[in-house]
PDB file of N, CA and C in Angstrom:
ATOM      1  N   UNK A   1      72.334 159.903 148.107  1.00  0.00           N
ATOM      2  CA  UNK A   1      73.746 160.130 147.866  1.00  0.00           C
ATOM      3  C   UNK A   1      74.074 161.600 148.099  1.00  0.00           C
ATOM      4  N   UNK A   2      75.248 161.808 148.608  1.00  0.00           N
ATOM      5  CA  UNK A   2      75.663 163.165 148.869  1.00  0.00           C
ATOM      6  C   UNK A   2      76.732 163.631 147.901  1.00  0.00           C
ATOM      7  N   UNK A   3      77.274 164.781 148.234  1.00  0.00           N
ATOM      8  CA  UNK A   3      78.289 165.382 147.368  1.00  0.00           C
ATOM      9  C   UNK A   3      79.559 164.539 147.330  1.00  0.00           C
ATOM     10  N   UNK A   4      79.877 163.833 148.412  1.00  0.00           N
ATOM     11  CA  UNK A   4      81.084 162.994 148.431  1.00  0.00           C
ATOM     12  C   UNK A   4      80.988 161.882 147.393  1.00  0.00           C
ATOM     13  N   UNK A   5      79.826 161.252 147.296  1.00  0.00           N
ATOM     14  CA  UNK A   5      79.638 160.205 146.282  1.00  0.00           C
ATOM     15  C   UNK A   5      79.685 160.796 144.879  1.00  0.00           C
ATOM     16  N   UNK A   6      79.114 161.980 144.709  1.00  0.00           N
ATOM     17  CA  UNK A   6      79.163 162.648 143.408  1.00  0.00           C
ATOM     18  C   UNK A   6      80.596 162.984 143.022  1.00  0.00           C
ATOM     19  N   UNK A   7      81.402 163.369 144.014  1.00  0.00           N
ATOM     20  CA  UNK A   7      82.811 163.667 143.766  1.00  0.00           C
ATOM     21  C   UNK A   7      83.550 162.409 143.307  1.00  0.00           C
ATOM     22  N   UNK A   8      83.274 161.282 143.950  1.00  0.00           N
ATOM     23  CA  UNK A   8      83.894 160.012 143.547  1.00  0.00           C
ATOM     24  C   UNK A   8      83.464 159.619 142.139  1.00  0.00           C
ATOM     25  N   UNK A   9      82.183 159.784 141.839  1.00  0.00           N
ATOM     26  CA  UNK A   9      81.678 159.458 140.506  1.00  0.00           C
ATOM     27  C   UNK A   9      82.326 160.340 139.442  1.00  0.00           C
ATOM     28  N   UNK A  10      82.465 161.620 139.745  1.00  0.00           N
ATOM     29  CA  UNK A  10      83.084 162.541 138.792  1.00  0.00           C
ATOM     30  C   UNK A  10      84.537 162.160 138.535  1.00  0.00           C
ATOM     31  N   UNK A  11      85.256 161.788 139.583  1.00  0.00           N
ATOM     32  CA  UNK A  11      86.641 161.355 139.406  1.00  0.00           C
ATOM     33  C   UNK A  11      86.747 160.114 138.541  1.00  0.00           C
ATOM     34  N   UNK A  12      85.814 159.182 138.725  1.00  0.00           N
ATOM     35  CA  UNK A  12      85.819 157.961 137.910  1.00  0.00           C
ATOM     36  C   UNK A  12      85.505 158.270 136.452  1.00  0.00           C
ATOM     37  N   UNK A  13      84.558 159.154 136.212  1.00  0.00           N
ATOM     38  CA  UNK A  13      84.201 159.525 134.841  1.00  0.00           C
ATOM     39  C   UNK A  13      85.379 160.191 134.147  1.00  0.00           C
ATOM     40  N   UNK A  14      86.039 161.112 134.830  1.00  0.00           N
ATOM     41  CA  UNK A  14      87.177 161.815 134.237  1.00  0.00           C
ATOM     42  C   UNK A  14      88.321 160.848 133.957  1.00  0.00           C
ATOM     43  N   UNK A  15      88.554 159.891 134.846  1.00  0.00           N
ATOM     44  CA  UNK A  15      89.604 158.899 134.626  1.00  0.00           C
ATOM     45  C   UNK A  15      89.297 158.046 133.404  1.00  0.00           C
ATOM     46  N   UNK A  16      88.051 157.612 133.270  1.00  0.00           N
ATOM     47  CA  UNK A  16      87.684 156.804 132.107  1.00  0.00           C
ATOM     48  C   UNK A  16      87.837 157.584 130.810  1.00  0.00           C
ATOM     49  N   UNK A  17      87.421 158.832 130.812  1.00  0.00           N
ATOM     50  CA  UNK A  17      87.576 159.662 129.615  1.00  0.00           C
ATOM     51  C   UNK A  17      89.057 159.880 129.319  1.00  0.00           C
ATOM     52  N   UNK A  18      89.852 160.060 130.360  1.00  0.00           N
ATOM     53  CA  UNK A  18      91.286 160.271 130.174  1.00  0.00           C
ATOM     54  C   UNK A  18      92.015 159.051 129.655  1.00  0.00           C
ATOM     55  N   UNK A  19      91.487 157.858 129.905  1.00  0.00           N
ATOM     56  CA  UNK A  19      92.133 156.632 129.431  1.00  0.00           C
ATOM     57  C   UNK A  19      91.824 156.322 127.972  1.00  0.00           C
ATOM     58  N   UNK A  20      90.871 157.003 127.364  1.00  0.00           N
ATOM     59  CA  UNK A  20      90.546 156.749 125.961  1.00  0.00           C
ATOM     60  C   UNK A  20      91.736 156.954 125.022  1.00  0.00           C
ATOM     61  N   UNK A  21      92.516 158.038 125.151  1.00  0.00           N
ATOM     62  CA  UNK A  21      93.671 158.173 124.256  1.00  0.00           C
ATOM     63  C   UNK A  21      94.669 157.024 124.394  1.00  0.00           C
ATOM     64  N   UNK A  22      94.837 156.508 125.589  1.00  0.00           N
ATOM     65  CA  UNK A  22      95.755 155.383 125.779  1.00  0.00           C
ATOM     66  C   UNK A  22      95.263 154.156 125.025  1.00  0.00           C
ATOM     67  N   UNK A  23      93.963 153.953 124.997  1.00  0.00           N
ATOM     68  CA  UNK A  23      93.411 152.812 124.255  1.00  0.00           C
ATOM     69  C   UNK A  23      93.664 152.961 122.761  1.00  0.00           C
ATOM     70  N   UNK A  24      93.545 154.171 122.248  1.00  0.00           N
ATOM     71  CA  UNK A  24      93.807 154.389 120.826  1.00  0.00           C
ATOM     72  C   UNK A  24      95.292 154.219 120.496  1.00  0.00           C
ATOM     73  N   UNK A  25      96.162 154.601 121.421  1.00  0.00           N
ATOM     74  CA  UNK A  25      97.598 154.411 121.198  1.00  0.00           C
ATOM     75  C   UNK A  25      97.933 152.926 121.173  1.00  0.00           C
ATOM     76  N   UNK A  26      97.342 152.154 122.071  1.00  0.00           N
ATOM     77  CA  UNK A  26      97.569 150.702 122.070  1.00  0.00           C
ATOM     78  C   UNK A  26      97.062 150.093 120.765  1.00  0.00           C
ATOM     79  N   UNK A  27      95.921 150.555 120.286  1.00  0.00           N
ATOM     80  CA  UNK A  27      95.393 150.066 119.018  1.00  0.00           C
ATOM     81  C   UNK A  27      96.354 150.383 117.872  1.00  0.00           C
ATOM     82  N   UNK A  28      96.869 151.600 117.846  1.00  0.00           N
ATOM     83  CA  UNK A  28      97.821 151.975 116.796  1.00  0.00           C
ATOM     84  C   UNK A  28      99.103 151.158 116.898  1.00  0.00           C
ATOM     85  N   UNK A  29      99.542 150.889 118.117  1.00  0.00           N
ATOM     86  CA  UNK A  29     100.762 150.095 118.293  1.00  0.00           C
ATOM     87  C   UNK A  29     100.563 148.676 117.779  1.00  0.00           C
ATOM     88  N   UNK A  30      99.425 148.081 118.054  1.00  0.00           N
ATOM     89  CA  UNK A  30      99.204 146.702 117.606  1.00  0.00           C
ATOM     90  C   UNK A  30      99.031 146.627 116.095  1.00  0.00           C
ATOM     91  N   UNK A  31      98.473 147.665 115.500  1.00  0.00           N
ATOM     92  CA  UNK A  31      98.299 147.646 114.045  1.00  0.00           C
ATOM     93  C   UNK A  31      99.616 147.874 113.311  1.00  0.00           C
ATOM     94  N   UNK A  32     100.596 148.475 113.957  1.00  0.00           N
ATOM     95  CA  UNK A  32     101.863 148.800 113.303  1.00  0.00           C
ATOM     96  C   UNK A  32     103.031 147.959 113.808  1.00  0.00           C
ATOM     97  N   UNK A  33     102.751 146.828 114.415  1.00  0.00           N
ATOM     98  CA  UNK A  33     103.835 146.007 114.969  1.00  0.00           C
ATOM     99  C   UNK A  33     104.799 145.511 113.896  1.00  0.00           C
ATOM    100  N   UNK A  34     104.314 145.259 112.701  1.00  0.00           N
ATOM    101  CA  UNK A  34     105.180 144.732 111.639  1.00  0.00           C
ATOM    102  C   UNK A  34     105.752 145.827 110.753  1.00  0.00           C
ATOM    103  N   UNK A  35     105.423 147.076 111.029  1.00  0.00           N
ATOM    104  CA  UNK A  35     105.932 148.192 110.237  1.00  0.00           C
ATOM    105  C   UNK A  35     107.300 148.601 110.779  1.00  0.00           C
ATOM    106  N   UNK A  36     108.381 148.405 110.008  1.00  0.00           N
ATOM    107  CA  UNK A  36     109.717 148.726 110.529  1.00  0.00           C
ATOM    108  C   UNK A  36     109.962 150.223 110.693  1.00  0.00           C
ATOM    109  N   UNK A  37     109.154 151.065 110.055  1.00  0.00           N
ATOM    110  CA  UNK A  37     109.358 152.512 110.151  1.00  0.00           C
ATOM    111  C   UNK A  37     108.559 153.141 111.296  1.00  0.00           C
ATOM    112  N   UNK A  38     107.755 152.348 111.974  1.00  0.00           N
ATOM    113  CA  UNK A  38     106.933 152.866 113.077  1.00  0.00           C
ATOM    114  C   UNK A  38     107.782 152.969 114.334  1.00  0.00           C
ATOM    115  N   UNK A  39     107.737 154.123 114.983  1.00  0.00           N
ATOM    116  CA  UNK A  39     108.540 154.354 116.185  1.00  0.00           C
ATOM    117  C   UNK A  39     107.763 153.864 117.408  1.00  0.00           C
ATOM    118  N   UNK A  40     107.997 152.604 117.759  1.00  0.00           N
ATOM    119  CA  UNK A  40     107.273 151.982 118.866  1.00  0.00           C
ATOM    120  C   UNK A  40     107.656 152.620 120.204  1.00  0.00           C
ATOM    121  N   UNK A  41     108.897 153.067 120.337  1.00  0.00           N
ATOM    122  CA  UNK A  41     109.341 153.687 121.588  1.00  0.00           C
ATOM    123  C   UNK A  41     108.581 154.987 121.854  1.00  0.00           C
ATOM    124  N   UNK A  42     108.427 155.801 120.822  1.00  0.00           N
ATOM    125  CA  UNK A  42     107.687 157.057 120.984  1.00  0.00           C
ATOM    126  C   UNK A  42     106.217 156.783 121.282  1.00  0.00           C
ATOM    127  N   UNK A  43     105.652 155.774 120.640  1.00  0.00           N
ATOM    128  CA  UNK A  43     104.252 155.431 120.895  1.00  0.00           C
ATOM    129  C   UNK A  43     104.076 154.922 122.319  1.00  0.00           C
ATOM    130  N   UNK A  44     105.005 154.102 122.785  1.00  0.00           N
ATOM    131  CA  UNK A  44     104.930 153.600 124.158  1.00  0.00           C
ATOM    132  C   UNK A  44     105.050 154.747 125.153  1.00  0.00           C
ATOM    133  N   UNK A  45     105.963 155.663 124.883  1.00  0.00           N
ATOM    134  CA  UNK A  45     106.141 156.822 125.763  1.00  0.00           C
ATOM    135  C   UNK A  45     104.875 157.677 125.802  1.00  0.00           C
ATOM    136  N   UNK A  46     104.269 157.906 124.645  1.00  0.00           N
ATOM    137  CA  UNK A  46     103.031 158.691 124.597  1.00  0.00           C
ATOM    138  C   UNK A  46     101.904 157.962 125.323  1.00  0.00           C
ATOM    139  N   UNK A  47     101.854 156.647 125.180  1.00  0.00           N
ATOM    140  CA  UNK A  47     100.828 155.867 125.873  1.00  0.00           C
ATOM    141  C   UNK A  47     100.980 155.935 127.377  1.00  0.00           C
ATOM    142  N   UNK A  48     102.204 155.795 127.853  1.00  0.00           N
ATOM    143  CA  UNK A  48     102.442 155.873 129.298  1.00  0.00           C
ATOM    144  C   UNK A  48     102.119 157.266 129.831  1.00  0.00           C
ATOM    145  N   UNK A  49     102.480 158.286 129.059  1.00  0.00           N
ATOM    146  CA  UNK A  49     102.190 159.655 129.484  1.00  0.00           C
ATOM    147  C   UNK A  49     100.684 159.896 129.560  1.00  0.00           C
ATOM    148  N   UNK A  50      99.936 159.366 128.599  1.00  0.00           N
ATOM    149  CA  UNK A  50      98.484 159.572 128.635  1.00  0.00           C
ATOM    150  C   UNK A  50      97.842 158.818 129.794  1.00  0.00           C
ATOM    151  N   UNK A  51      98.383 157.657 130.141  1.00  0.00           N
ATOM    152  CA  UNK A  51      97.858 156.918 131.295  1.00  0.00           C
ATOM    153  C   UNK A  51      98.130 157.686 132.584  1.00  0.00           C
ATOM    154  N   UNK A  52      99.342 158.220 132.714  1.00  0.00           N
ATOM    155  CA  UNK A  52      99.684 158.994 133.913  1.00  0.00           C
ATOM    156  C   UNK A  52      98.805 160.236 134.008  1.00  0.00           C
ATOM    157  N   UNK A  53      98.600 160.929 132.890  1.00  0.00           N
ATOM    158  CA  UNK A  53      97.756 162.120 132.903  1.00  0.00           C
ATOM    159  C   UNK A  53      96.315 161.777 133.260  1.00  0.00           C
ATOM    160  N   UNK A  54      95.859 160.591 132.872  1.00  0.00           N
ATOM    161  CA  UNK A  54      94.490 160.180 133.201  1.00  0.00           C
ATOM    162  C   UNK A  54      94.339 159.876 134.681  1.00  0.00           C
ATOM    163  N   UNK A  55      95.397 159.392 135.305  1.00  0.00           N
ATOM    164  CA  UNK A  55      95.312 159.004 136.706  1.00  0.00           C
ATOM    165  C   UNK A  55      95.591 160.150 137.666  1.00  0.00           C
ATOM    166  N   UNK A  56      96.220 161.219 137.179  1.00  0.00           N
ATOM    167  CA  UNK A  56      96.478 162.388 138.020  1.00  0.00           C
ATOM    168  C   UNK A  56      95.153 163.127 138.205  1.00  0.00           C
ATOM    169  N   UNK A  57      94.774 163.390 139.428  1.00  0.00           N
ATOM    170  CA  UNK A  57      93.469 164.019 139.634  1.00  0.00           C
ATOM    171  C   UNK A  57      93.433 165.460 139.123  1.00  0.00           C
ATOM    172  N   UNK A  58      92.428 165.753 138.332  1.00  0.00           N
ATOM    173  CA  UNK A  58      92.176 167.114 137.867  1.00  0.00           C
ATOM    174  C   UNK A  58      91.125 167.692 138.812  1.00  0.00           C
ATOM    175  N   UNK A  59      91.580 168.285 139.889  1.00  0.00           N
ATOM    176  CA  UNK A  59      90.692 168.657 140.986  1.00  0.00           C
ATOM    177  C   UNK A  59      89.644 169.682 140.569  1.00  0.00           C
ATOM    178  N   UNK A  60      90.032 170.651 139.757  1.00  0.00           N
ATOM    179  CA  UNK A  60      89.062 171.665 139.337  1.00  0.00           C
ATOM    180  C   UNK A  60      87.951 171.079 138.491  1.00  0.00           C
ATOM    181  N   UNK A  61      88.332 170.289 137.507  1.00  0.00           N
ATOM    182  CA  UNK A  61      87.344 169.651 136.640  1.00  0.00           C
ATOM    183  C   UNK A  61      86.486 168.665 137.419  1.00  0.00           C
ATOM    184  N   UNK A  62      87.100 167.955 138.356  1.00  0.00           N
ATOM    185  CA  UNK A  62      86.348 167.005 139.178  1.00  0.00           C
ATOM    186  C   UNK A  62      85.306 167.730 140.027  1.00  0.00           C
ATOM    187  N   UNK A  63      85.676 168.857 140.607  1.00  0.00           N
ATOM    188  CA  UNK A  63      84.719 169.623 141.419  1.00  0.00           C
ATOM    189  C   UNK A  63      83.571 170.164 140.576  1.00  0.00           C
ATOM    190  N   UNK A  64      83.879 170.650 139.384  1.00  0.00           N
ATOM    191  CA  UNK A  64      82.824 171.178 138.512  1.00  0.00           C
ATOM    192  C   UNK A  64      81.865 170.067 138.105  1.00  0.00           C
ATOM    193  N   UNK A  65      82.409 168.915 137.709  1.00  0.00           N
ATOM    194  CA  UNK A  65      81.556 167.797 137.310  1.00  0.00           C
ATOM    195  C   UNK A  65      80.755 167.258 138.495  1.00  0.00           C
ATOM    196  N   UNK A  66      81.377 167.194 139.669  1.00  0.00           N
ATOM    197  CA  UNK A  66      80.663 166.734 140.865  1.00  0.00           C
ATOM    198  C   UNK A  66      79.521 167.685 141.214  1.00  0.00           C
ATOM    199  N   UNK A  67      79.765 168.982 141.105  1.00  0.00           N
ATOM    200  CA  UNK A  67      78.704 169.954 141.378  1.00  0.00           C
ATOM    201  C   UNK A  67      77.566 169.806 140.373  1.00  0.00           C
ATOM    202  N   UNK A  68      77.905 169.565 139.108  1.00  0.00           N
ATOM    203  CA  UNK A  68      76.867 169.379 138.089  1.00  0.00           C
ATOM    204  C   UNK A  68      76.043 168.128 138.376  1.00  0.00           C
ATOM    205  N   UNK A  69      76.705 167.031 138.725  1.00  0.00           N
ATOM    206  CA  UNK A  69      75.987 165.797 139.061  1.00  0.00           C
ATOM    207  C   UNK A  69      75.088 166.022 140.268  1.00  0.00           C
ATOM    208  N   UNK A  70      75.619 166.705 141.280  1.00  0.00           N
ATOM    209  CA  UNK A  70      74.843 166.974 142.492  1.00  0.00           C
ATOM    210  C   UNK A  70      73.613 167.828 142.183  1.00  0.00           C
ATOM    211  N   UNK A  71      73.797 168.875 141.380  1.00  0.00           N
ATOM    212  CA  UNK A  71      72.670 169.751 141.055  1.00  0.00           C
ATOM    213  C   UNK A  71      71.629 169.035 140.200  1.00  0.00           C
ATOM    214  N   UNK A  72      72.073 168.160 139.324  1.00  0.00           N
ATOM    215  CA  UNK A  72      71.121 167.380 138.524  1.00  0.00           C
ATOM    216  C   UNK A  72      70.312 166.457 139.428  1.00  0.00           C
ATOM    217  N   UNK A  73      70.977 165.847 140.404  1.00  0.00           N
ATOM    218  CA  UNK A  73      70.262 164.965 141.336  1.00  0.00           C
ATOM    219  C   UNK A  73      69.269 165.745 142.187  1.00  0.00           C
ATOM    220  N   UNK A  74      69.677 166.910 142.661  1.00  0.00           N
ATOM    221  CA  UNK A  74      68.783 167.732 143.480  1.00  0.00           C
ATOM    222  C   UNK A  74      67.597 168.195 142.639  1.00  0.00           C
ATOM    223  N   UNK A  75      67.862 168.584 141.399  1.00  0.00           N
ATOM    224  CA  UNK A  75      66.793 169.058 140.519  1.00  0.00           C
ATOM    225  C   UNK A  75      65.808 167.971 140.133  1.00  0.00           C
ATOM    226  N   UNK A  76      66.285 166.728 140.069  1.00  0.00           N
ATOM    227  CA  UNK A  76      65.385 165.635 139.684  1.00  0.00           C
ATOM    228  C   UNK A  76      64.757 164.958 140.897  1.00  0.00           C
ATOM    229  N   UNK A  77      64.972 165.483 142.053  1.00  0.00           N
ATOM    230  CA  UNK A  77      64.378 164.926 143.262  1.00  0.00           C
ATOM    231  C   UNK A  77      65.147 163.759 143.834  1.00  0.00           C
ATOM    232  N   UNK A  78      66.394 163.589 143.456  1.00  0.00           N
ATOM    233  CA  UNK A  78      67.233 162.534 144.008  1.00  0.00           C
ATOM    234  C   UNK A  78      66.991 161.161 143.425  1.00  0.00           C
ATOM    235  N   UNK A  79      66.365 161.098 142.270  1.00  0.00           N
ATOM    236  CA  UNK A  79      66.089 159.786 141.653  1.00  0.00           C
ATOM    237  C   UNK A  79      67.296 159.218 141.014  1.00  0.00           C
TER     238      UNK A  79
END
């Protein structure tokens, strides 16, 4: 595998980590569905914003993580 594959892997890892807050927001929304004082609109807005932020590429972080993955592979002999 080369650096291009490492770059793709890094992007996937960052996206998965970025989607974790959205999962917690969905959990909070489902637990508070019967609570009349819970602001479901604000929670939905925050959830959508976290999903969008997770899908927007963080190019600097992706490059750093890809370089780390690549160097780990080179150091371990490509196993």
